Amino acid sequence: VQLVESGGGLVQPGGSLRLSCAASGFTFSNYGMRWYRQAPGKERGLVAGISSSGSIIDYADSVKGRFHISRDNAKNTAYLQMNNLKPEDTAVYYCNGGRSYAYWGQGTQVTVSS
């Protein structure tokens, strides 16, 4: 089983990034997916979640209206579109999913700075 994140990087405040999470080794379309983030010195926190079909979506209050989670079950990939990024969005972003949300990616760094 693998979850591989990509798409992180350095962006100026107000900018956008799109994170991807490529899944393998399990039946991706059967399970919900989540994105978490962890900033230095802080606990890992849930950013967004999406059901197996994509019909149910939820966001942390801090990202509502700016971030958009989606998935493509044909490509076994989940996405996190991040718009109007703020310095406080700086963190390592992780995707999480599978049966009982047992699987984690290695994380991708997002840095928002001028």
C-alpha atoms as a PDB file:
ATOM      1  CA  VAL A   1       0.000   0.000   0.000  1.00  0.00           C
ATOM      2  CA  GLN A   2       1.254   3.459  -0.904  1.00  0.00           C
ATOM      3  CA  LEU A   3      -0.021   7.001  -0.688  1.00  0.00           C
ATOM      4  CA  VAL A   4       2.297   9.443  -2.433  1.00  0.00           C
ATOM      5  CA  GLU A   5       1.731  13.184  -2.119  1.00  0.00           C
ATOM      6  CA  SER A   6       3.055  15.739  -4.582  1.00  0.00           C
ATOM      7  CA  GLY A   7       2.537  19.360  -5.517  1.00  0.00           C
ATOM      8  CA  GLY A   8       3.904  21.159  -2.478  1.00  0.00           C
ATOM      9  CA  GLY A   9       6.291  24.068  -2.663  1.00  0.00           C
ATOM     10  CA  LEU A  10       6.920  27.718  -1.885  1.00  0.00           C
ATOM     11  CA  VAL A  11       4.177  30.191  -2.768  1.00  0.00           C
ATOM     12  CA  GLN A  12       3.499  33.832  -1.982  1.00  0.00           C
ATOM     13  CA  PRO A  13       0.518  34.842   0.150  1.00  0.00           C
ATOM     14  CA  GLY A  14      -2.608  34.892  -1.975  1.00  0.00           C
ATOM     15  CA  GLY A  15      -1.236  32.239  -4.293  1.00  0.00           C
ATOM     16  CA  SER A  16      -2.500  28.745  -5.099  1.00  0.00           C
ATOM     17  CA  LEU A  17      -1.207  25.199  -5.053  1.00  0.00           C
ATOM     18  CA  ARG A  18      -2.751  21.870  -5.982  1.00  0.00           C
ATOM     19  CA  LEU A  19      -1.696  18.822  -3.997  1.00  0.00           C
ATOM     20  CA  SER A  20      -2.128  15.308  -5.346  1.00  0.00           C
ATOM     21  CA  CYS A  21      -2.220  11.990  -3.522  1.00  0.00           C
ATOM     22  CA  ALA A  22      -1.657   8.913  -5.679  1.00  0.00           C
ATOM     23  CA  ALA A  23      -2.880   5.686  -4.086  1.00  0.00           C
ATOM     24  CA  SER A  24      -1.902   2.098  -4.822  1.00  0.00           C
ATOM     25  CA  GLY A  25      -2.225  -1.297  -3.210  1.00  0.00           C
ATOM     26  CA  PHE A  26      -5.848  -1.036  -2.130  1.00  0.00           C
ATOM     27  CA  THR A  27      -9.255  -0.440  -3.715  1.00  0.00           C
ATOM     28  CA  PHE A  28      -9.160   3.356  -3.671  1.00  0.00           C
ATOM     29  CA  SER A  29     -12.780   3.835  -4.739  1.00  0.00           C
ATOM     30  CA  ASN A  30     -14.077   1.991  -1.669  1.00  0.00           C
ATOM     31  CA  TYR A  31     -12.710   4.373   0.933  1.00  0.00           C
ATOM     32  CA  GLY A  32     -12.887   7.941   2.081  1.00  0.00           C
ATOM     33  CA  MET A  33      -9.804  10.112   1.916  1.00  0.00           C
ATOM     34  CA  ARG A  34      -8.562  12.910   4.137  1.00  0.00           C
ATOM     35  CA  TRP A  35      -5.917  15.618   4.076  1.00  0.00           C
ATOM     36  CA  TYR A  36      -4.129  16.608   7.272  1.00  0.00           C
ATOM     37  CA  ARG A  37      -1.443  19.160   7.976  1.00  0.00           C
ATOM     38  CA  GLN A  38       1.176  19.669  10.648  1.00  0.00           C
ATOM     39  CA  ALA A  39       2.974  22.925  11.274  1.00  0.00           C
ATOM     40  CA  PRO A  40       6.230  23.076  13.284  1.00  0.00           C
ATOM     41  CA  GLY A  41       5.538  22.679  16.980  1.00  0.00           C
ATOM     42  CA  LYS A  42       1.865  21.903  16.433  1.00  0.00           C
ATOM     43  CA  GLU A  43      -0.231  18.764  16.348  1.00  0.00           C
ATOM     44  CA  ARG A  44      -1.377  17.234  13.095  1.00  0.00           C
ATOM     45  CA  GLY A  45      -4.861  18.487  12.260  1.00  0.00           C
ATOM     46  CA  LEU A  46      -7.575  17.500   9.806  1.00  0.00           C
ATOM     47  CA  VAL A  47      -7.929  19.867   6.850  1.00  0.00           C
ATOM     48  CA  ALA A  48     -10.533  18.200   4.635  1.00  0.00           C
ATOM     49  CA  GLY A  49     -12.253  14.889   3.989  1.00  0.00           C
ATOM     50  CA  ILE A  50     -14.129  13.307   1.110  1.00  0.00           C
ATOM     51  CA  SER A  51     -16.266  10.183   0.985  1.00  0.00           C
ATOM     52  CA  SER A  52     -15.553   7.239  -1.305  1.00  0.00           C
ATOM     53  CA  SER A  53     -17.925   8.492  -3.996  1.00  0.00           C
ATOM     54  CA  GLY A  54     -17.074  12.143  -3.497  1.00  0.00           C
ATOM     55  CA  SER A  55     -20.612  13.011  -2.490  1.00  0.00           C
ATOM     56  CA  ILE A  56     -19.775  13.998   1.097  1.00  0.00           C
ATOM     57  CA  ILE A  57     -17.118  16.636   1.741  1.00  0.00           C
ATOM     58  CA  ASP A  58     -16.096  18.489   4.867  1.00  0.00           C
ATOM     59  CA  TYR A  59     -13.507  21.128   5.721  1.00  0.00           C
ATOM     60  CA  ALA A  60     -11.833  22.605   8.749  1.00  0.00           C
ATOM     61  CA  ASP A  61     -13.230  26.051   9.472  1.00  0.00           C
ATOM     62  CA  SER A  62      -9.828  27.608   8.831  1.00  0.00           C
ATOM     63  CA  VAL A  63      -9.827  26.566   5.161  1.00  0.00           C
ATOM     64  CA  LYS A  64     -13.518  26.767   4.206  1.00  0.00           C
ATOM     65  CA  GLY A  65     -14.019  28.808   1.071  1.00  0.00           C
ATOM     66  CA  ARG A  66     -10.320  28.616   0.141  1.00  0.00           C
ATOM     67  CA  PHE A  67      -9.529  24.898  -0.177  1.00  0.00           C
ATOM     68  CA  HIS A  68     -11.298  22.311  -2.306  1.00  0.00           C
ATOM     69  CA  ILE A  69     -10.913  18.541  -1.933  1.00  0.00           C
ATOM     70  CA  SER A  70     -11.713  16.214  -4.802  1.00  0.00           C
ATOM     71  CA  ARG A  71     -10.929  12.746  -6.102  1.00  0.00           C
ATOM     72  CA  ASP A  72     -10.681  10.844  -9.355  1.00  0.00           C
ATOM     73  CA  ASN A  73     -11.435   7.186  -8.678  1.00  0.00           C
ATOM     74  CA  ALA A  74     -10.413   6.221 -12.209  1.00  0.00           C
ATOM     75  CA  LYS A  75      -6.924   7.573 -11.490  1.00  0.00           C
ATOM     76  CA  ASN A  76      -6.765   6.439  -7.837  1.00  0.00           C
ATOM     77  CA  THR A  77      -5.890   9.996  -6.890  1.00  0.00           C
ATOM     78  CA  ALA A  78      -7.140  12.550  -4.394  1.00  0.00           C
ATOM     79  CA  TYR A  79      -6.516  16.276  -4.703  1.00  0.00           C
ATOM     80  CA  LEU A  80      -6.428  19.351  -2.523  1.00  0.00           C
ATOM     81  CA  GLN A  81      -6.772  22.640  -4.367  1.00  0.00           C
ATOM     82  CA  MET A  82      -5.550  25.446  -2.117  1.00  0.00           C
ATOM     83  CA  ASN A  83      -6.385  29.040  -3.036  1.00  0.00           C
ATOM     84  CA  ASN A  84      -5.740  32.386  -1.357  1.00  0.00           C
ATOM     85  CA  LEU A  85      -2.982  30.814   0.695  1.00  0.00           C
ATOM     86  CA  LYS A  86      -1.921  32.473   3.929  1.00  0.00           C
ATOM     87  CA  PRO A  87       1.329  32.219   5.926  1.00  0.00           C
ATOM     88  CA  GLU A  88      -0.565  30.245   8.564  1.00  0.00           C
ATOM     89  CA  ASP A  89      -1.207  27.531   5.969  1.00  0.00           C
ATOM     90  CA  THR A  90       2.502  26.691   6.061  1.00  0.00           C
ATOM     91  CA  ALA A  91       2.809  23.046   7.087  1.00  0.00           C
ATOM     92  CA  VAL A  92       3.582  19.535   5.929  1.00  0.00           C
ATOM     93  CA  TYR A  93       0.453  18.184   4.264  1.00  0.00           C
ATOM     94  CA  TYR A  94      -0.395  14.486   4.493  1.00  0.00           C
ATOM     95  CA  CYS A  95      -3.019  12.389   2.757  1.00  0.00           C
ATOM     96  CA  ASN A  96      -4.712   9.625   4.670  1.00  0.00           C
ATOM     97  CA  GLY A  97      -7.123   6.879   3.684  1.00  0.00           C
ATOM     98  CA  GLY A  98      -7.889   3.233   3.242  1.00  0.00           C
ATOM     99  CA  ARG A  99      -9.748   0.861   5.565  1.00  0.00           C
ATOM    100  CA  SER A 100     -10.167   2.592   8.942  1.00  0.00           C
ATOM    101  CA  TYR A 101      -7.999   5.398   7.539  1.00  0.00           C
ATOM    102  CA  ALA A 102      -4.968   3.234   8.268  1.00  0.00           C
ATOM    103  CA  TYR A 103      -2.681   4.515   5.513  1.00  0.00           C
ATOM    104  CA  TRP A 104      -0.589   7.686   5.411  1.00  0.00           C
ATOM    105  CA  GLY A 105       1.580   9.353   2.832  1.00  0.00           C
ATOM    106  CA  GLN A 106       5.043  10.717   3.518  1.00  0.00           C
ATOM    107  CA  GLY A 107       3.908  14.332   3.399  1.00  0.00           C
ATOM    108  CA  THR A 108       4.625  17.304   1.178  1.00  0.00           C
ATOM    109  CA  GLN A 109       5.871  20.680   2.416  1.00  0.00           C
ATOM    110  CA  VAL A 110       3.811  23.786   1.717  1.00  0.00           C
ATOM    111  CA  THR A 111       5.441  27.104   2.569  1.00  0.00           C
ATOM    112  CA  VAL A 112       3.550  30.372   2.199  1.00  0.00           C
ATOM    113  CA  SER A 113       5.893  33.324   2.427  1.00  0.00           C
ATOM    114  CA  SER A 114       6.754  36.534   0.655  1.00  0.00           C
END
